[in-house]
Structure formats: structure tokens, C-alpha cells
Amino acid sequence: MVDDLADWPAQAGLDSNTLLGFVGPFAQEMVRRDGFVVPCGAGLTLDGVVEPFMTDPSGFASVEEAYRFLLAGVTANRDSWRAVCLVSVIPGPGDDIDALRFVVDHASGHCLLGLVEVAHARISGNVSFGSLEVVPVPPLVWADDGSPG
């Protein structure tokens, strides 16, 4: 999944790939099936077990507010996790999604932002996905002040 993590601790790289391998296909299937992605993700417990989570955006004013709620909940319980991966969307024109956004945050203090372009075929209705592009970003869940980024 992510090969360019040379400066990351080995376990952080393995954990990131595990979470992206779990959350990525789930998010892509949600886009294919439903045309959208609810704020969701997964955490890797201290024992190495993947635990998925999501929130129902219908109880919030916006999907962004639901995402912030999910991030705050994960941050409040960060002592239970070794790493987390949150997924959201970058909206496009109309009801289309331009990209899936993945944030993988590790207790080691390493964090990355991953983007996967989403292409919508107008005539067939098919959806295709680009390759994962990642960049390091400041931690969100394990920010120094303990508050969600």
C-alpha cells in the first residue's frame, strides 16, 4: 500500500498499511454501492486488532460536523489505539465525489494524508479509483495538546 515510509518506525508502517488495507476497500465499496461515504474508519488496538467505527451523519448539520465528532471521539480514546485511519470525501461538482481522503495517525507521532481520486463515468455510471497518493502531515489524534487537529 504505502511504500514511502522509510523514516517511520517499522511498526508504524505496518500498522498504516494494515489500516489502509481494511478501510480503503470498504470506502471504495461504499462509493460504488451508495455513491457516498459516511465518516468512518478503523483503529488498531494495542493488541493489534482492527476495530471499525463510523458515525451516522443524519444527526449532524453536515458531514464535516459528523467527521469532527468522530475525530473527537477517537482522540478522547486514543490511549486504546496504536493507530487509527479516518476516511472522508472531497466533494466534487453536484453530488459527485472528487476524492477519498484518508488520514492515518499513529501513536508514534507519525501521520499521513492519503488521497484517492474518484472518477465517475457519466454514461455507464461506473466508478473508478486512482492510486493512493500520500504526504506526511502533522498528527491529528496524537497532537501534542491532546485535542483533535
N, C-alpha and C. Protein backbone atom coordinates (compact mmCIF):
# COMPACT_ATOMS: atom_id res chain seq x y z
N MET A 1 0.83 -1.19 0.00
CA MET A 1 0.00 0.00 0.00
C MET A 1 0.87 1.25 0.00
N VAL A 2 1.48 1.57 1.13
CA VAL A 2 2.31 2.75 1.22
C VAL A 2 3.75 2.29 1.37
N ASP A 3 4.57 2.60 0.36
CA ASP A 3 5.96 2.14 0.36
C ASP A 3 6.93 3.20 0.86
N ASP A 4 6.55 4.47 0.81
CA ASP A 4 7.49 5.55 1.10
C ASP A 4 7.40 5.98 2.56
N LEU A 5 7.63 5.05 3.47
CA LEU A 5 7.60 5.35 4.90
C LEU A 5 8.96 5.05 5.53
N ALA A 6 10.03 5.34 4.78
CA ALA A 6 11.38 4.96 5.21
C ALA A 6 11.76 5.58 6.55
N ASP A 7 11.29 6.78 6.83
CA ASP A 7 11.67 7.43 8.09
C ASP A 7 10.71 7.11 9.23
N TRP A 8 9.75 6.25 8.99
CA TRP A 8 8.80 5.85 10.02
C TRP A 8 9.32 4.62 10.74
N PRO A 9 8.97 4.46 12.02
CA PRO A 9 9.28 3.18 12.69
C PRO A 9 8.60 2.04 11.93
N ALA A 10 9.23 0.87 11.92
CA ALA A 10 8.70 -0.27 11.15
C ALA A 10 7.27 -0.59 11.54
N GLN A 11 6.96 -0.59 12.83
CA GLN A 11 5.60 -0.94 13.26
C GLN A 11 4.58 0.08 12.77
N ALA A 12 4.95 1.36 12.75
CA ALA A 12 4.03 2.39 12.26
C ALA A 12 3.70 2.16 10.78
N GLY A 13 4.69 1.78 9.99
CA GLY A 13 4.45 1.49 8.58
C GLY A 13 3.55 0.29 8.39
N LEU A 14 3.81 -0.77 9.15
CA LEU A 14 2.97 -1.96 9.07
C LEU A 14 1.54 -1.66 9.49
N ASP A 15 1.40 -0.92 10.59
CA ASP A 15 0.06 -0.57 11.08
C ASP A 15 -0.70 0.28 10.08
N SER A 16 -0.01 1.23 9.45
CA SER A 16 -0.65 2.10 8.46
C SER A 16 -1.15 1.28 7.28
N ASN A 17 -0.32 0.38 6.78
CA ASN A 17 -0.74 -0.46 5.67
C ASN A 17 -1.90 -1.38 6.05
N THR A 18 -1.88 -1.89 7.27
CA THR A 18 -2.99 -2.74 7.73
C THR A 18 -4.30 -1.96 7.72
N LEU A 19 -4.27 -0.75 8.27
CA LEU A 19 -5.50 0.05 8.35
C LEU A 19 -5.97 0.50 6.97
N LEU A 20 -5.05 0.94 6.11
CA LEU A 20 -5.44 1.34 4.76
C LEU A 20 -5.99 0.15 3.97
N GLY A 21 -5.41 -1.03 4.20
CA GLY A 21 -5.91 -2.23 3.54
C GLY A 21 -7.30 -2.64 4.00
N PHE A 22 -7.68 -2.23 5.19
CA PHE A 22 -9.01 -2.52 5.73
C PHE A 22 -10.00 -1.43 5.31
N VAL A 23 -9.65 -0.18 5.55
CA VAL A 23 -10.58 0.94 5.34
C VAL A 23 -10.73 1.28 3.86
N GLY A 24 -9.64 1.21 3.08
CA GLY A 24 -9.69 1.59 1.66
C GLY A 24 -10.74 0.83 0.86
N PRO A 25 -10.69 -0.50 0.85
CA PRO A 25 -11.69 -1.26 0.10
C PRO A 25 -13.12 -1.03 0.60
N PHE A 26 -13.28 -0.86 1.91
CA PHE A 26 -14.60 -0.59 2.47
C PHE A 26 -15.15 0.73 1.93
N ALA A 27 -14.33 1.79 1.94
CA ALA A 27 -14.77 3.10 1.45
C ALA A 27 -15.07 3.05 -0.04
N GLN A 28 -14.23 2.35 -0.81
CA GLN A 28 -14.48 2.25 -2.24
C GLN A 28 -15.78 1.52 -2.54
N GLU A 29 -16.05 0.46 -1.81
CA GLU A 29 -17.30 -0.27 -2.00
C GLU A 29 -18.50 0.60 -1.64
N MET A 30 -18.37 1.42 -0.60
CA MET A 30 -19.46 2.32 -0.21
C MET A 30 -19.74 3.31 -1.34
N VAL A 31 -18.69 3.84 -1.97
CA VAL A 31 -18.88 4.78 -3.09
C VAL A 31 -19.55 4.07 -4.26
N ARG A 32 -19.08 2.87 -4.59
CA ARG A 32 -19.69 2.12 -5.71
C ARG A 32 -21.17 1.82 -5.45
N ARG A 33 -21.46 1.38 -4.25
CA ARG A 33 -22.81 0.93 -3.92
C ARG A 33 -23.76 2.10 -3.65
N ASP A 34 -23.30 3.08 -2.85
CA ASP A 34 -24.20 4.13 -2.37
C ASP A 34 -23.95 5.51 -2.97
N GLY A 35 -22.78 5.69 -3.58
CA GLY A 35 -22.46 6.99 -4.15
C GLY A 35 -21.91 7.98 -3.16
N PHE A 36 -21.70 7.57 -1.92
CA PHE A 36 -21.16 8.47 -0.90
C PHE A 36 -20.44 7.64 0.16
N VAL A 37 -19.78 8.33 1.07
CA VAL A 37 -19.09 7.69 2.19
C VAL A 37 -19.48 8.43 3.46
N VAL A 38 -19.97 7.72 4.43
CA VAL A 38 -20.22 8.33 5.74
C VAL A 38 -18.89 8.39 6.48
N PRO A 39 -18.73 9.36 7.38
CA PRO A 39 -17.48 9.41 8.15
C PRO A 39 -17.26 8.09 8.89
N CYS A 40 -16.12 7.47 8.61
CA CYS A 40 -15.84 6.17 9.20
C CYS A 40 -14.34 5.96 9.27
N GLY A 41 -13.96 4.81 9.73
CA GLY A 41 -12.55 4.48 9.82
C GLY A 41 -12.37 3.20 10.60
N ALA A 42 -11.15 3.02 11.08
CA ALA A 42 -10.83 1.86 11.89
C ALA A 42 -9.65 2.21 12.77
N GLY A 43 -9.59 1.53 13.88
CA GLY A 43 -8.46 1.68 14.77
C GLY A 43 -7.78 0.34 14.96
N LEU A 44 -6.52 0.40 15.26
CA LEU A 44 -5.75 -0.79 15.59
C LEU A 44 -5.50 -0.74 17.09
N THR A 45 -6.09 -1.70 17.80
CA THR A 45 -5.97 -1.70 19.26
C THR A 45 -4.52 -1.95 19.66
N LEU A 46 -4.25 -1.78 20.94
CA LEU A 46 -2.90 -2.03 21.45
C LEU A 46 -2.47 -3.48 21.22
N ASP A 47 -3.45 -4.38 21.13
CA ASP A 47 -3.18 -5.80 20.87
C ASP A 47 -3.12 -6.12 19.38
N GLY A 48 -3.31 -5.13 18.50
CA GLY A 48 -3.21 -5.35 17.07
C GLY A 48 -4.48 -5.80 16.40
N VAL A 49 -5.63 -5.62 17.05
CA VAL A 49 -6.91 -6.00 16.47
C VAL A 49 -7.51 -4.78 15.75
N VAL A 50 -7.98 -4.98 14.53
CA VAL A 50 -8.62 -3.91 13.76
C VAL A 50 -10.08 -3.81 14.20
N GLU A 51 -10.47 -2.60 14.61
CA GLU A 51 -11.86 -2.35 15.02
C GLU A 51 -12.43 -1.21 14.19
N PRO A 52 -13.44 -1.50 13.36
CA PRO A 52 -14.04 -0.44 12.53
C PRO A 52 -14.97 0.45 13.37
N PHE A 53 -15.15 1.68 12.89
CA PHE A 53 -16.12 2.58 13.51
C PHE A 53 -16.66 3.53 12.46
N MET A 54 -17.86 4.04 12.70
CA MET A 54 -18.46 5.04 11.81
C MET A 54 -19.48 5.83 12.60
N THR A 55 -19.91 6.91 12.01
CA THR A 55 -20.93 7.74 12.62
C THR A 55 -22.05 7.96 11.62
N ASP A 56 -23.23 8.19 12.12
CA ASP A 56 -24.39 8.45 11.27
C ASP A 56 -24.51 9.96 11.07
N PRO A 57 -24.24 10.45 9.87
CA PRO A 57 -24.27 11.90 9.65
C PRO A 57 -25.66 12.52 9.73
N SER A 58 -26.71 11.72 9.77
CA SER A 58 -28.05 12.29 9.78
C SER A 58 -28.33 13.08 11.06
N GLY A 59 -27.61 12.82 12.12
CA GLY A 59 -27.81 13.56 13.38
C GLY A 59 -27.01 14.84 13.46
N PHE A 60 -26.35 15.22 12.37
CA PHE A 60 -25.47 16.40 12.37
C PHE A 60 -25.88 17.37 11.28
N ALA A 61 -25.47 18.61 11.44
CA ALA A 61 -25.81 19.64 10.45
C ALA A 61 -25.10 19.40 9.12
N SER A 62 -23.93 18.74 9.17
CA SER A 62 -23.17 18.49 7.95
C SER A 62 -22.32 17.24 8.13
N VAL A 63 -21.86 16.71 7.02
CA VAL A 63 -20.96 15.55 7.07
C VAL A 63 -19.65 15.95 7.75
N GLU A 64 -19.20 17.19 7.52
CA GLU A 64 -17.98 17.66 8.16
C GLU A 64 -18.12 17.68 9.68
N GLU A 65 -19.29 18.08 10.17
CA GLU A 65 -19.54 18.08 11.61
C GLU A 65 -19.52 16.65 12.15
N ALA A 66 -20.08 15.70 11.40
CA ALA A 66 -20.05 14.30 11.82
C ALA A 66 -18.61 13.78 11.85
N TYR A 67 -17.79 14.19 10.88
CA TYR A 67 -16.38 13.79 10.85
C TYR A 67 -15.64 14.34 12.07
N ARG A 68 -15.87 15.62 12.38
CA ARG A 68 -15.22 16.22 13.57
C ARG A 68 -15.65 15.50 14.84
N PHE A 69 -16.91 15.09 14.93
CA PHE A 69 -17.40 14.33 16.08
C PHE A 69 -16.66 12.99 16.18
N LEU A 70 -16.50 12.32 15.05
CA LEU A 70 -15.79 11.04 15.02
C LEU A 70 -14.33 11.24 15.45
N LEU A 71 -13.68 12.25 14.92
CA LEU A 71 -12.29 12.55 15.27
C LEU A 71 -12.16 12.87 16.76
N ALA A 72 -13.09 13.63 17.30
CA ALA A 72 -13.03 13.95 18.73
C ALA A 72 -13.20 12.69 19.59
N GLY A 73 -14.08 11.80 19.18
CA GLY A 73 -14.28 10.55 19.93
C GLY A 73 -13.06 9.66 19.89
N VAL A 74 -12.43 9.56 18.72
CA VAL A 74 -11.22 8.75 18.59
C VAL A 74 -10.09 9.37 19.42
N THR A 75 -9.97 10.69 19.37
CA THR A 75 -8.93 11.38 20.13
C THR A 75 -9.13 11.19 21.62
N ALA A 76 -10.37 11.28 22.08
CA ALA A 76 -10.65 11.11 23.51
C ALA A 76 -10.27 9.71 24.00
N ASN A 77 -10.29 8.74 23.10
CA ASN A 77 -9.98 7.36 23.47
C ASN A 77 -8.65 6.89 22.88
N ARG A 78 -7.76 7.81 22.57
CA ARG A 78 -6.52 7.46 21.88
C ARG A 78 -5.62 6.52 22.66
N ASP A 79 -5.77 6.46 23.96
CA ASP A 79 -4.95 5.54 24.75
C ASP A 79 -5.31 4.08 24.49
N SER A 80 -6.44 3.85 23.81
CA SER A 80 -6.88 2.50 23.48
C SER A 80 -6.35 2.04 22.12
N TRP A 81 -5.76 2.96 21.36
CA TRP A 81 -5.36 2.68 19.99
C TRP A 81 -3.85 2.73 19.81
N ARG A 82 -3.37 1.94 18.88
CA ARG A 82 -1.99 2.02 18.43
C ARG A 82 -1.92 2.92 17.18
N ALA A 83 -3.00 2.90 16.40
CA ALA A 83 -3.10 3.72 15.19
C ALA A 83 -4.56 3.78 14.79
N VAL A 84 -4.91 4.82 14.05
CA VAL A 84 -6.26 4.97 13.52
C VAL A 84 -6.19 5.45 12.08
N CYS A 85 -7.24 5.12 11.33
CA CYS A 85 -7.39 5.61 9.96
C CYS A 85 -8.82 6.12 9.82
N LEU A 86 -8.95 7.39 9.45
CA LEU A 86 -10.27 8.00 9.24
C LEU A 86 -10.43 8.30 7.76
N VAL A 87 -11.63 8.10 7.25
CA VAL A 87 -11.89 8.38 5.84
C VAL A 87 -13.03 9.38 5.72
N SER A 88 -12.87 10.27 4.77
CA SER A 88 -13.91 11.24 4.43
C SER A 88 -13.80 11.50 2.93
N VAL A 89 -14.61 12.39 2.43
CA VAL A 89 -14.60 12.67 0.99
C VAL A 89 -14.23 14.11 0.72
N ILE A 90 -13.71 14.33 -0.47
CA ILE A 90 -13.54 15.67 -1.01
C ILE A 90 -14.62 15.81 -2.07
N PRO A 91 -15.62 16.65 -1.81
CA PRO A 91 -16.74 16.73 -2.74
C PRO A 91 -16.35 17.34 -4.07
N GLY A 92 -17.07 16.91 -5.10
CA GLY A 92 -16.87 17.44 -6.44
C GLY A 92 -18.11 18.19 -6.88
N PRO A 93 -18.24 18.41 -8.16
CA PRO A 93 -19.42 19.10 -8.68
C PRO A 93 -20.69 18.25 -8.49
N GLY A 94 -21.77 18.92 -8.19
CA GLY A 94 -23.03 18.20 -7.99
C GLY A 94 -22.92 17.25 -6.81
N ASP A 95 -23.37 16.03 -7.02
CA ASP A 95 -23.32 15.02 -5.97
C ASP A 95 -22.10 14.12 -6.09
N ASP A 96 -21.21 14.42 -7.03
CA ASP A 96 -20.04 13.58 -7.25
C ASP A 96 -19.00 13.76 -6.14
N ILE A 97 -18.16 12.75 -6.02
CA ILE A 97 -17.04 12.79 -5.09
C ILE A 97 -15.78 12.91 -5.94
N ASP A 98 -14.93 13.90 -5.64
CA ASP A 98 -13.67 14.06 -6.37
C ASP A 98 -12.59 13.12 -5.87
N ALA A 99 -12.58 12.89 -4.53
CA ALA A 99 -11.52 12.04 -3.98
C ALA A 99 -11.94 11.51 -2.61
N LEU A 100 -11.35 10.38 -2.26
CA LEU A 100 -11.45 9.86 -0.91
C LEU A 100 -10.23 10.36 -0.15
N ARG A 101 -10.44 10.82 1.07
CA ARG A 101 -9.36 11.34 1.90
C ARG A 101 -9.17 10.40 3.09
N PHE A 102 -7.96 9.90 3.25
CA PHE A 102 -7.61 9.01 4.36
C PHE A 102 -6.59 9.72 5.24
N VAL A 103 -6.83 9.71 6.53
CA VAL A 103 -5.84 10.20 7.49
C VAL A 103 -5.46 9.01 8.36
N VAL A 104 -4.18 8.66 8.31
CA VAL A 104 -3.66 7.58 9.16
C VAL A 104 -2.77 8.23 10.20
N ASP A 105 -3.15 8.06 11.45
CA ASP A 105 -2.44 8.68 12.56
C ASP A 105 -1.94 7.58 13.48
N HIS A 106 -0.66 7.63 13.83
CA HIS A 106 -0.05 6.57 14.63
C HIS A 106 0.41 7.13 15.98
N ALA A 107 0.33 6.32 17.01
CA ALA A 107 0.73 6.74 18.36
C ALA A 107 2.20 7.13 18.42
N SER A 108 3.00 6.72 17.45
CA SER A 108 4.42 7.08 17.41
C SER A 108 4.60 8.56 17.07
N GLY A 109 3.50 9.25 16.70
CA GLY A 109 3.58 10.66 16.33
C GLY A 109 3.65 10.88 14.84
N HIS A 110 3.58 9.81 14.06
CA HIS A 110 3.61 9.92 12.60
C HIS A 110 2.18 9.93 12.06
N CYS A 111 1.97 10.76 11.04
CA CYS A 111 0.63 10.88 10.46
C CYS A 111 0.79 11.12 8.96
N LEU A 112 -0.14 10.55 8.20
CA LEU A 112 -0.12 10.80 6.76
C LEU A 112 -1.52 11.09 6.27
N LEU A 113 -1.56 11.83 5.18
CA LEU A 113 -2.79 12.13 4.47
C LEU A 113 -2.71 11.40 3.14
N GLY A 114 -3.72 10.60 2.84
CA GLY A 114 -3.77 9.88 1.58
C GLY A 114 -4.98 10.31 0.78
N LEU A 115 -4.80 10.48 -0.51
CA LEU A 115 -5.89 10.84 -1.40
C LEU A 115 -6.00 9.82 -2.52
N VAL A 116 -7.22 9.44 -2.83
CA VAL A 116 -7.51 8.54 -3.95
C VAL A 116 -8.55 9.24 -4.82
N GLU A 117 -8.16 9.56 -6.05
CA GLU A 117 -9.08 10.22 -6.97
C GLU A 117 -10.22 9.27 -7.34
N VAL A 118 -11.42 9.84 -7.46
CA VAL A 118 -12.60 9.08 -7.84
C VAL A 118 -13.09 9.62 -9.19
N ALA A 119 -13.26 8.72 -10.17
CA ALA A 119 -13.74 9.12 -11.49
C ALA A 119 -15.10 8.49 -11.73
N HIS A 120 -16.03 9.30 -12.21
CA HIS A 120 -17.40 8.85 -12.47
C HIS A 120 -17.64 8.83 -13.98
N ALA A 121 -17.97 7.67 -14.52
CA ALA A 121 -18.31 7.57 -15.95
C ALA A 121 -19.78 7.94 -16.11
N ARG A 122 -20.02 8.99 -16.84
CA ARG A 122 -21.39 9.52 -16.97
C ARG A 122 -22.35 8.55 -17.65
N ILE A 123 -21.93 7.91 -18.72
CA ILE A 123 -22.85 7.06 -19.49
C ILE A 123 -23.10 5.73 -18.78
N SER A 124 -22.03 5.05 -18.38
CA SER A 124 -22.19 3.73 -17.78
C SER A 124 -22.53 3.79 -16.29
N GLY A 125 -22.19 4.91 -15.66
CA GLY A 125 -22.41 5.01 -14.22
C GLY A 125 -21.33 4.33 -13.40
N ASN A 126 -20.31 3.78 -14.06
CA ASN A 126 -19.23 3.11 -13.34
C ASN A 126 -18.38 4.12 -12.58
N VAL A 127 -17.77 3.65 -11.52
CA VAL A 127 -16.88 4.45 -10.71
C VAL A 127 -15.52 3.78 -10.73
N SER A 128 -14.47 4.56 -10.93
CA SER A 128 -13.12 4.01 -10.85
C SER A 128 -12.29 4.87 -9.90
N PHE A 129 -11.21 4.27 -9.44
CA PHE A 129 -10.39 4.91 -8.42
C PHE A 129 -8.95 5.00 -8.88
N GLY A 130 -8.32 6.13 -8.59
CA GLY A 130 -6.91 6.30 -8.90
C GLY A 130 -6.06 5.61 -7.84
N SER A 131 -4.77 5.81 -7.94
CA SER A 131 -3.87 5.21 -6.96
C SER A 131 -3.76 6.13 -5.74
N LEU A 132 -3.37 5.54 -4.64
CA LEU A 132 -3.23 6.27 -3.38
C LEU A 132 -1.98 7.14 -3.43
N GLU A 133 -2.17 8.43 -3.18
CA GLU A 133 -1.06 9.38 -3.08
C GLU A 133 -1.00 9.84 -1.63
N VAL A 134 0.18 9.79 -1.02
CA VAL A 134 0.29 10.15 0.40
C VAL A 134 1.34 11.22 0.64
N VAL A 135 1.09 12.01 1.66
CA VAL A 135 2.06 13.01 2.14
C VAL A 135 2.01 13.00 3.67
N PRO A 136 3.16 13.25 4.30
CA PRO A 136 3.14 13.35 5.76
C PRO A 136 2.45 14.65 6.18
N VAL A 137 1.73 14.59 7.28
CA VAL A 137 1.05 15.75 7.85
C VAL A 137 1.22 15.72 9.37
N PRO A 138 0.97 16.84 10.03
CA PRO A 138 1.04 16.84 11.50
C PRO A 138 -0.03 15.91 12.08
N PRO A 139 0.26 15.31 13.23
CA PRO A 139 -0.71 14.40 13.85
C PRO A 139 -2.03 15.11 14.19
N LEU A 140 -3.11 14.38 14.08
CA LEU A 140 -4.42 14.88 14.49
C LEU A 140 -4.83 14.27 15.82
N VAL A 141 -4.85 12.94 15.87
CA VAL A 141 -5.30 12.23 17.07
C VAL A 141 -4.25 12.37 18.17
N TRP A 142 -2.99 12.26 17.80
CA TRP A 142 -1.91 12.35 18.79
C TRP A 142 -1.21 13.70 18.72
N ALA A 143 -2.00 14.77 18.54
CA ALA A 143 -1.44 16.13 18.58
C ALA A 143 -0.89 16.39 19.98
N ASP A 144 0.13 17.21 20.09
CA ASP A 144 0.80 17.44 21.38
C ASP A 144 -0.16 17.91 22.48
N ASP A 145 -1.16 18.69 22.10
CA ASP A 145 -2.06 19.22 23.14
C ASP A 145 -3.23 18.29 23.45
N GLY A 146 -3.31 17.15 22.74
CA GLY A 146 -4.36 16.18 23.01
C GLY A 146 -5.70 16.51 22.39
N SER A 147 -5.77 17.63 21.67
CA SER A 147 -7.03 17.99 21.04
C SER A 147 -7.02 17.56 19.59
N PRO A 148 -8.18 17.23 19.02
CA PRO A 148 -8.20 16.85 17.61
C PRO A 148 -7.76 18.02 16.74
N GLY A 149 -6.91 17.71 15.74
CA GLY A 149 -6.37 18.72 14.84
C GLY A 149 -7.40 19.31 14.05
